[in-house]
Amino acid sequence: MTRAFRRSTALVAGLAAVLALAACGQENDDKDAGTTTLEVTDEFPITVEHAFGETVIEEEPQRVATWGWGSTEAAIASGVFPVAIAEQLWTVGKGNLLPWVEEAYDAEGVDHPTLLPDDGSGTTVPYDDFIAAKPDLILAPYSGITEEQYKKLNDIAPTVAYPEAPWTTTWQDTIKITATALGRSAHGDQILEDIDTFLAGEAEKHPEFAGKTIAALYPAPSNISLYTELDPRLAIMTKLGFDIAPSVAKLDTSDGGFYFDMSYEKVDAIDADVVITYFDDDTQAAAFLEDQKALAIPAVRDGHVAQVVGRERISAVSPPTALSFEWSGGMPELIEKLAAAVGD
C-alpha cells in the first residue's frame, strides 16, 4: 500500500444531490467528461495560493484534470466532472474507477474520465498523458508532487498544489481549495457544512467517543506505521469526539510528516484507548489480533480495535473524500466498528 493513502442516509442532501440528478425523470443521455451540474458562484479570474506560489485561473475551466487524492470527488461534489483523473492502481486495479466515483459518473450519465497512469506511489507524474488529456486546469491539492513536477504540470495547464506540505492537506482544505479553483466556493462551503452536520450527528449518537484517545496504525510484518495528527484519516476522528492519543506525538519521528515507522519492540508505548488498523484482507486482520508482537499494544491486548479491511474500505476513509463520506463501506461502517471497539 502506498503511504499516501489514504452511504449513510443520515448525510444531508447536499452531497447526495450530485448523485441524484440523473433520477429527476428526464432522459439520461451520455454526456462528455467535463460536464458541469452546478453553476459557478464566483467571478474569474481566481487566484489560489499554494506551497509553490500562486496560480491564476483566468476563466471557468472546461477540462479539469485531477492528481493525487480527494480532488476528483471534491470537483464532482462541486458540480464539475473531470476529464482525466489519477489512476488508483492500489485500490481498484488498472482501468477501474473507485466505486463512489463510478457511481457519480454513471448516475449523471457522464462518460468515464481518462485514467492518468500512477504506479501506486504517486511519485511519477505521467506528463504525456496530461498533455493528451488537454486540461485547462490541473488540481493536486492533496498530492506529493515536487516543485519540479509542479512547474512541469503548470507548463501544461494552470496547476494548484497543496497549501503546505505533501500529503498533509486536510479533507476540509482539499474540498475548499478544489471548489474555489473551480469558481464554486459556495458549493464547497455547502459540502463542508453537510459533512460537519453528518459528523456532528454521529458524535451525538455516540457520546461514548467523547474524550477517548485514539491512534491509527498500518501494521506490516516487521514494523508498524503510525499516522500523525497531520494525517487527515486520524485528524478527522476529533470530529467524532475522540482525542488523538498524546503518545502519538511523543513517539513521532517523522519531523513534520504524516506518518512514522516504529519497531514492534516499542509498540507497548502506543498508549491509546482505541486503535484503528488497516489490512488488505480478513486473514491478515485476524492474524494481527493473535500476534504476540501486536498484543504488546495495550488497546490490542484489551480488544479495543476497529479494523478497516479491504482496499476499497481503506481508501474510503484514508482519508475520506467528498463522496466517500456517504459510501456505506466508508465512514458509516468505520463508525460502527469504533462504537463496538469502545464498548468492548
Protein backbone atom coordinates (compact mmCIF):
# COMPACT_ATOMS: atom_id res chain seq x y z
CA MET A 1 0.00 0.00 0.00
CA THR A 2 1.27 3.50 -0.76
CA ARG A 3 1.78 5.56 2.38
CA ALA A 4 -0.16 8.35 0.75
CA PHE A 5 -3.44 6.68 1.17
CA ARG A 6 -5.29 7.10 2.26
CA ARG A 7 -23.76 5.56 2.35
CA SER A 8 -25.10 6.85 5.20
CA THR A 9 -28.70 8.01 4.72
CA ALA A 10 -28.05 10.47 7.50
CA LEU A 11 -25.82 12.55 5.24
CA VAL A 12 -27.81 15.55 4.15
CA ALA A 13 -28.99 16.05 0.63
CA GLY A 14 -26.25 18.48 -0.39
CA LEU A 15 -23.83 15.67 -1.27
CA ALA A 16 -26.44 13.17 -2.38
CA ALA A 17 -27.89 15.66 -4.85
CA VAL A 18 -24.86 15.24 -7.07
CA LEU A 19 -25.64 11.54 -7.48
CA ALA A 20 -29.39 12.01 -7.65
CA LEU A 21 -29.59 14.45 -10.56
CA ALA A 22 -29.95 11.63 -13.06
CA ALA A 23 -33.11 10.41 -11.34
CA CYS A 24 -35.17 13.54 -11.94
CA GLY A 25 -37.40 11.91 -14.55
CA GLN A 26 -35.64 13.14 -17.72
CA GLU A 27 -33.97 11.00 -20.35
CA ASN A 28 -30.35 10.45 -19.29
CA ASP A 29 -28.22 10.60 -22.48
CA ASP A 30 -24.47 10.11 -22.17
CA LYS A 31 -22.59 13.32 -21.54
CA ASP A 32 -18.98 14.10 -22.22
CA ALA A 33 -16.50 14.15 -19.38
CA GLY A 34 -16.18 17.77 -18.34
CA THR A 35 -19.92 18.07 -17.77
CA THR A 36 -20.98 20.53 -15.06
CA THR A 37 -24.09 20.20 -12.92
CA LEU A 38 -23.83 23.20 -10.60
CA GLU A 39 -23.41 26.83 -11.55
CA VAL A 40 -20.36 28.98 -10.97
CA THR A 41 -20.72 31.13 -7.84
CA ASP A 42 -17.53 33.22 -8.09
CA GLU A 43 -16.06 35.72 -10.50
CA PHE A 44 -12.98 34.91 -12.54
CA PRO A 45 -10.03 35.37 -12.61
CA ILE A 46 -9.41 33.45 -9.39
CA THR A 47 -6.05 33.26 -7.61
CA VAL A 48 -5.19 30.26 -5.44
CA GLU A 49 -2.11 30.36 -3.22
CA HIS A 50 -0.19 27.17 -2.51
CA ALA A 51 3.21 25.85 -1.43
CA PHE A 52 4.87 26.76 -4.73
CA GLY A 53 3.44 30.22 -5.15
CA GLU A 54 0.07 31.13 -6.62
CA THR A 55 -1.98 30.04 -9.58
CA VAL A 56 -4.24 32.39 -11.51
CA ILE A 57 -7.24 30.79 -13.19
CA GLU A 58 -8.35 33.30 -15.79
CA GLU A 59 -11.74 31.84 -16.68
CA GLU A 60 -14.04 28.98 -15.80
CA PRO A 61 -12.19 25.74 -16.62
CA GLN A 62 -13.85 23.41 -19.11
CA ARG A 63 -11.45 20.45 -18.96
CA VAL A 64 -10.29 19.69 -15.42
CA ALA A 65 -7.69 17.06 -14.57
CA THR A 66 -7.01 15.86 -11.02
CA TRP A 67 -3.96 14.24 -9.43
CA GLY A 68 -3.44 12.73 -6.00
CA TRP A 69 -6.35 12.03 -3.71
CA GLY A 70 -9.73 13.60 -2.97
CA SER A 71 -9.79 16.39 -5.55
CA THR A 72 -11.72 14.22 -8.04
CA GLU A 73 -14.53 13.73 -5.55
CA ALA A 74 -14.41 17.36 -4.42
CA ALA A 75 -14.76 18.51 -8.02
CA ILE A 76 -17.71 16.20 -8.66
CA ALA A 77 -19.46 17.25 -5.47
CA SER A 78 -18.90 20.87 -6.54
CA GLY A 79 -20.62 20.12 -9.84
CA VAL A 80 -17.65 19.52 -12.18
CA PHE A 81 -16.83 16.10 -13.70
CA PRO A 82 -13.09 15.93 -14.50
CA VAL A 83 -11.95 14.73 -17.93
CA ALA A 84 -8.87 13.00 -16.51
CA ILE A 85 -8.14 11.64 -13.04
CA ALA A 86 -5.34 9.78 -11.28
CA GLU A 87 -5.47 6.02 -11.61
CA GLN A 88 -5.99 4.34 -8.22
CA LEU A 89 -4.00 1.22 -9.01
CA TRP A 90 -3.58 0.02 -5.42
CA THR A 91 -7.27 0.28 -4.61
CA VAL A 92 -9.21 -0.93 -7.65
CA GLY A 93 -6.61 -2.03 -10.20
CA LYS A 94 -5.76 -0.85 -13.67
CA GLY A 95 -8.61 0.60 -15.70
CA ASN A 96 -11.11 0.81 -12.87
CA LEU A 97 -12.73 3.68 -11.02
CA LEU A 98 -13.24 3.97 -7.28
CA PRO A 99 -16.81 2.77 -6.62
CA TRP A 100 -18.11 6.10 -5.33
CA VAL A 101 -16.56 7.91 -8.29
CA GLU A 102 -18.00 5.44 -10.78
CA GLU A 103 -21.43 5.78 -9.16
CA ALA A 104 -21.27 9.56 -9.58
CA TYR A 105 -20.36 9.44 -13.29
CA ASP A 106 -22.94 6.76 -14.03
CA ALA A 107 -25.71 8.44 -12.06
CA GLU A 108 -25.25 11.62 -14.10
CA GLY A 109 -24.72 9.69 -17.34
CA VAL A 110 -21.28 11.20 -17.89
CA ASP A 111 -18.62 9.42 -19.93
CA HIS A 112 -15.93 7.96 -17.70
CA PRO A 113 -12.76 10.06 -17.45
CA THR A 114 -9.33 9.23 -18.81
CA LEU A 115 -7.23 7.46 -16.19
CA LEU A 116 -3.79 9.02 -15.73
CA PRO A 117 -1.26 6.23 -15.05
CA ASP A 118 0.05 6.07 -11.49
CA ASP A 119 2.39 3.32 -10.31
CA GLY A 120 0.76 3.47 -6.89
CA SER A 121 3.41 5.61 -5.25
CA GLY A 122 2.21 8.95 -6.56
CA THR A 123 5.84 9.95 -7.22
CA THR A 124 5.90 9.54 -11.02
CA VAL A 125 3.84 12.04 -12.97
CA PRO A 126 2.68 10.99 -16.49
CA TYR A 127 3.25 14.28 -18.29
CA ASP A 128 2.47 12.93 -21.77
CA ASP A 129 -0.90 11.64 -20.56
CA PHE A 130 -1.69 15.02 -19.04
CA ILE A 131 -0.83 16.69 -22.35
CA ALA A 132 -3.03 14.23 -24.25
CA ALA A 133 -5.97 14.99 -21.94
CA LYS A 134 -5.75 18.70 -22.88
CA PRO A 135 -6.71 20.06 -19.46
CA ASP A 136 -7.17 23.74 -18.82
CA LEU A 137 -6.78 23.23 -15.05
CA ILE A 138 -4.90 20.63 -13.01
CA LEU A 139 -5.91 20.11 -9.38
CA ALA A 140 -3.44 18.45 -6.99
CA PRO A 141 -4.19 19.93 -3.55
CA TYR A 142 -3.69 16.60 -1.75
CA SER A 143 -0.73 15.03 -3.51
CA GLY A 144 3.01 14.52 -3.30
CA ILE A 145 4.19 16.47 -6.33
CA THR A 146 7.58 18.13 -6.04
CA GLU A 147 8.29 21.71 -7.04
CA GLU A 148 9.91 20.48 -10.25
CA GLN A 149 6.86 18.37 -11.07
CA TYR A 150 4.60 21.30 -10.28
CA LYS A 151 6.49 23.51 -12.73
CA LYS A 152 6.22 20.92 -15.49
CA LEU A 153 2.50 20.45 -14.86
CA ASN A 154 1.99 24.20 -14.72
CA ASP A 155 3.53 24.44 -18.19
CA ILE A 156 0.75 22.12 -19.39
CA ALA A 157 -2.10 23.94 -17.63
CA PRO A 158 -2.56 26.13 -14.54
CA THR A 159 -1.88 23.79 -11.61
CA VAL A 160 -2.99 24.04 -7.99
CA ALA A 161 -0.74 22.28 -5.49
CA TYR A 162 -1.06 21.66 -1.75
CA PRO A 163 -1.01 24.62 0.67
CA GLU A 164 1.89 23.49 2.86
CA ALA A 165 3.43 20.00 2.74
CA PRO A 166 2.90 16.87 0.60
CA TRP A 167 0.08 14.56 1.63
CA THR A 168 -0.95 16.63 4.66
CA THR A 169 -3.82 18.73 3.29
CA THR A 170 -6.92 18.31 5.42
CA TRP A 171 -10.02 16.88 3.82
CA GLN A 172 -11.69 20.25 4.52
CA ASP A 173 -8.98 22.16 2.66
CA THR A 174 -8.99 19.69 -0.22
CA ILE A 175 -12.68 20.39 -0.74
CA LYS A 176 -12.35 24.14 -0.18
CA ILE A 177 -9.34 24.57 -2.47
CA THR A 178 -10.94 22.49 -5.22
CA ALA A 179 -14.26 24.31 -5.10
CA THR A 180 -12.53 27.71 -5.02
CA ALA A 181 -10.36 26.89 -8.04
CA LEU A 182 -13.49 25.85 -9.94
CA GLY A 183 -15.27 29.11 -9.12
CA ARG A 184 -17.76 27.28 -6.94
CA SER A 185 -16.71 28.22 -3.41
CA ALA A 186 -20.33 28.45 -2.24
CA HIS A 187 -20.86 24.83 -3.23
CA GLY A 188 -17.67 23.89 -1.38
CA ASP A 189 -18.97 25.62 1.73
CA GLN A 190 -22.22 23.68 1.47
CA ILE A 191 -20.38 20.37 1.08
CA LEU A 192 -18.37 21.10 4.23
CA GLU A 193 -21.48 22.16 6.12
CA ASP A 194 -23.23 18.94 5.15
CA ILE A 195 -20.26 16.81 6.22
CA ASP A 196 -19.97 18.67 9.52
CA THR A 197 -23.67 18.07 10.11
CA PHE A 198 -23.18 14.37 9.42
CA LEU A 199 -20.16 14.07 11.73
CA ALA A 200 -21.79 16.12 14.48
CA GLY A 201 -24.82 13.87 14.29
CA GLU A 202 -22.65 10.77 14.58
CA ALA A 203 -20.80 12.27 17.55
CA GLU A 204 -24.14 12.99 19.22
CA LYS A 205 -25.28 9.41 18.61
CA HIS A 206 -22.04 8.14 20.16
CA PRO A 207 -21.32 10.09 23.34
CA GLU A 208 -19.01 7.23 24.34
CA PHE A 209 -16.44 8.60 21.87
CA ALA A 210 -16.01 11.85 23.77
CA GLY A 211 -12.60 12.13 25.41
CA LYS A 212 -11.42 8.67 24.33
CA THR A 213 -7.91 8.68 22.91
CA ILE A 214 -7.24 7.14 19.53
CA ALA A 215 -4.36 6.12 17.27
CA ALA A 216 -4.31 4.86 13.67
CA LEU A 217 -1.88 2.11 12.66
CA TYR A 218 -0.82 0.45 9.43
CA PRO A 219 0.87 -2.80 10.53
CA ALA A 220 3.49 -4.56 8.44
CA PRO A 221 5.32 -7.81 9.26
CA SER A 222 8.47 -6.11 10.54
CA ASN A 223 7.19 -2.78 11.85
CA ILE A 224 4.15 -0.58 12.37
CA SER A 225 3.40 2.78 10.78
CA LEU A 226 1.59 5.30 12.94
CA TYR A 227 -0.25 8.22 11.39
CA THR A 228 0.41 11.61 12.93
CA GLU A 229 -2.09 14.32 13.77
CA LEU A 230 -1.24 15.91 10.39
CA ASP A 231 -2.80 12.98 8.57
CA PRO A 232 -6.49 13.55 7.70
CA ARG A 233 -7.51 9.95 8.43
CA LEU A 234 -6.53 10.43 12.07
CA ALA A 235 -7.40 14.10 12.42
CA ILE A 236 -11.00 13.50 11.36
CA MET A 237 -11.54 11.34 14.44
CA THR A 238 -11.62 14.52 16.53
CA LYS A 239 -14.83 15.46 14.71
CA LEU A 240 -16.41 12.37 16.21
CA GLY A 241 -15.36 13.31 19.74
CA PHE A 242 -12.08 11.38 20.02
CA ASP A 243 -8.81 12.91 21.18
CA ILE A 244 -5.64 11.97 19.32
CA ALA A 245 -3.57 9.95 21.77
CA PRO A 246 -0.74 12.10 23.23
CA SER A 247 1.55 9.10 22.84
CA VAL A 248 1.42 9.57 19.05
CA ALA A 249 3.12 12.96 19.29
CA LYS A 250 5.59 11.70 21.89
CA LEU A 251 6.67 8.82 19.66
CA ASP A 252 6.65 10.78 16.40
CA THR A 253 9.95 10.62 14.50
CA SER A 254 8.58 11.95 11.20
CA ASP A 255 9.84 15.53 11.53
CA GLY A 256 6.57 17.02 10.37
CA GLY A 257 5.39 14.12 8.22
CA PHE A 258 2.04 12.38 8.10
CA TYR A 259 3.31 9.02 9.38
CA PHE A 260 6.31 7.39 11.02
CA ASP A 261 7.55 3.82 11.45
CA MET A 262 8.43 2.06 14.67
CA SER A 263 9.59 -1.44 15.53
CA TYR A 264 7.42 -3.92 17.38
CA GLU A 265 9.87 -3.77 20.27
CA LYS A 266 8.50 -0.31 21.13
CA VAL A 267 4.78 -0.69 20.44
CA ASP A 268 3.90 -1.07 24.11
CA ALA A 269 4.36 2.72 24.24
CA ILE A 270 1.32 3.25 21.98
CA ASP A 271 -0.99 4.37 24.75
CA ALA A 272 -4.47 4.85 23.30
CA ASP A 273 -7.97 3.87 24.38
CA VAL A 274 -8.78 2.70 20.85
CA VAL A 275 -6.70 1.94 17.75
CA ILE A 276 -7.71 1.74 14.11
CA THR A 277 -5.85 -0.75 11.91
CA TYR A 278 -5.82 -1.21 8.14
CA PHE A 279 -5.46 -4.56 6.36
CA ASP A 280 -5.91 -5.87 2.82
CA ASP A 281 -7.90 -8.92 3.85
CA ASP A 282 -9.59 -10.73 6.73
CA THR A 283 -6.75 -13.24 7.11
CA GLN A 284 -4.21 -10.51 7.83
CA ALA A 285 -6.61 -8.70 10.14
CA ALA A 286 -7.35 -11.83 12.19
CA ALA A 287 -3.66 -12.78 12.41
CA PHE A 288 -2.78 -9.38 13.81
CA LEU A 289 -5.16 -9.79 16.73
CA GLU A 290 -3.38 -13.01 17.71
CA ASP A 291 0.17 -11.85 17.05
CA GLN A 292 2.15 -11.71 20.30
CA LYS A 293 4.11 -8.72 18.99
CA ALA A 294 0.89 -6.79 18.35
CA LEU A 295 -0.60 -7.81 21.69
CA ALA A 296 2.04 -5.62 23.33
CA ILE A 297 -0.12 -2.66 22.28
CA PRO A 298 -2.48 -2.13 25.24
CA ALA A 299 -5.57 -1.42 23.13
CA VAL A 300 -4.98 -4.53 21.01
CA ARG A 301 -4.45 -6.68 24.10
CA ASP A 302 -7.69 -5.36 25.59
CA GLY A 303 -9.74 -5.76 22.41
CA HIS A 304 -10.26 -2.07 21.66
CA VAL A 305 -9.54 -2.29 17.95
CA ALA A 306 -11.52 -1.07 14.94
CA GLN A 307 -10.24 -2.85 11.85
CA VAL A 308 -10.67 -1.46 8.35
CA VAL A 309 -10.35 -4.41 5.98
CA GLY A 310 -10.16 -4.34 2.19
CA ARG A 311 -8.56 -1.85 -0.13
CA GLU A 312 -11.74 -0.07 -1.14
CA ARG A 313 -12.73 0.38 2.51
CA ILE A 314 -9.24 1.58 3.43
CA SER A 315 -9.31 4.10 0.62
CA ALA A 316 -12.77 5.33 1.58
CA VAL A 317 -11.51 6.51 4.97
CA SER A 318 -7.81 7.15 4.29
CA PRO A 319 -8.74 9.90 4.27
CA PRO A 320 -12.43 10.22 3.42
CA THR A 321 -13.41 12.36 0.46
CA ALA A 322 -16.40 14.47 -0.51
CA LEU A 323 -18.12 11.37 -1.93
CA SER A 324 -16.80 8.51 0.20
CA PHE A 325 -18.32 10.00 3.35
CA GLU A 326 -21.66 8.66 2.15
CA TRP A 327 -20.40 5.32 0.83
CA SER A 328 -21.69 2.51 3.03
CA GLY A 329 -18.29 0.82 3.36
CA GLY A 330 -16.60 4.07 4.36
CA MET A 331 -17.17 6.28 7.37
CA PRO A 332 -20.57 4.80 8.32
CA GLU A 333 -19.06 1.32 8.65
CA LEU A 334 -15.96 2.59 10.46
CA ILE A 335 -18.09 4.48 12.96
CA GLU A 336 -19.99 1.28 13.75
CA LYS A 337 -16.69 -0.53 14.35
CA LEU A 338 -15.41 2.28 16.55
CA ALA A 339 -18.57 2.07 18.65
CA ALA A 340 -18.01 -1.66 19.10
CA ALA A 341 -14.34 -1.15 19.96
CA VAL A 342 -15.06 1.49 22.57
CA GLY A 343 -17.83 -0.59 24.06
CA ASP A 344 -15.82 -3.81 24.38
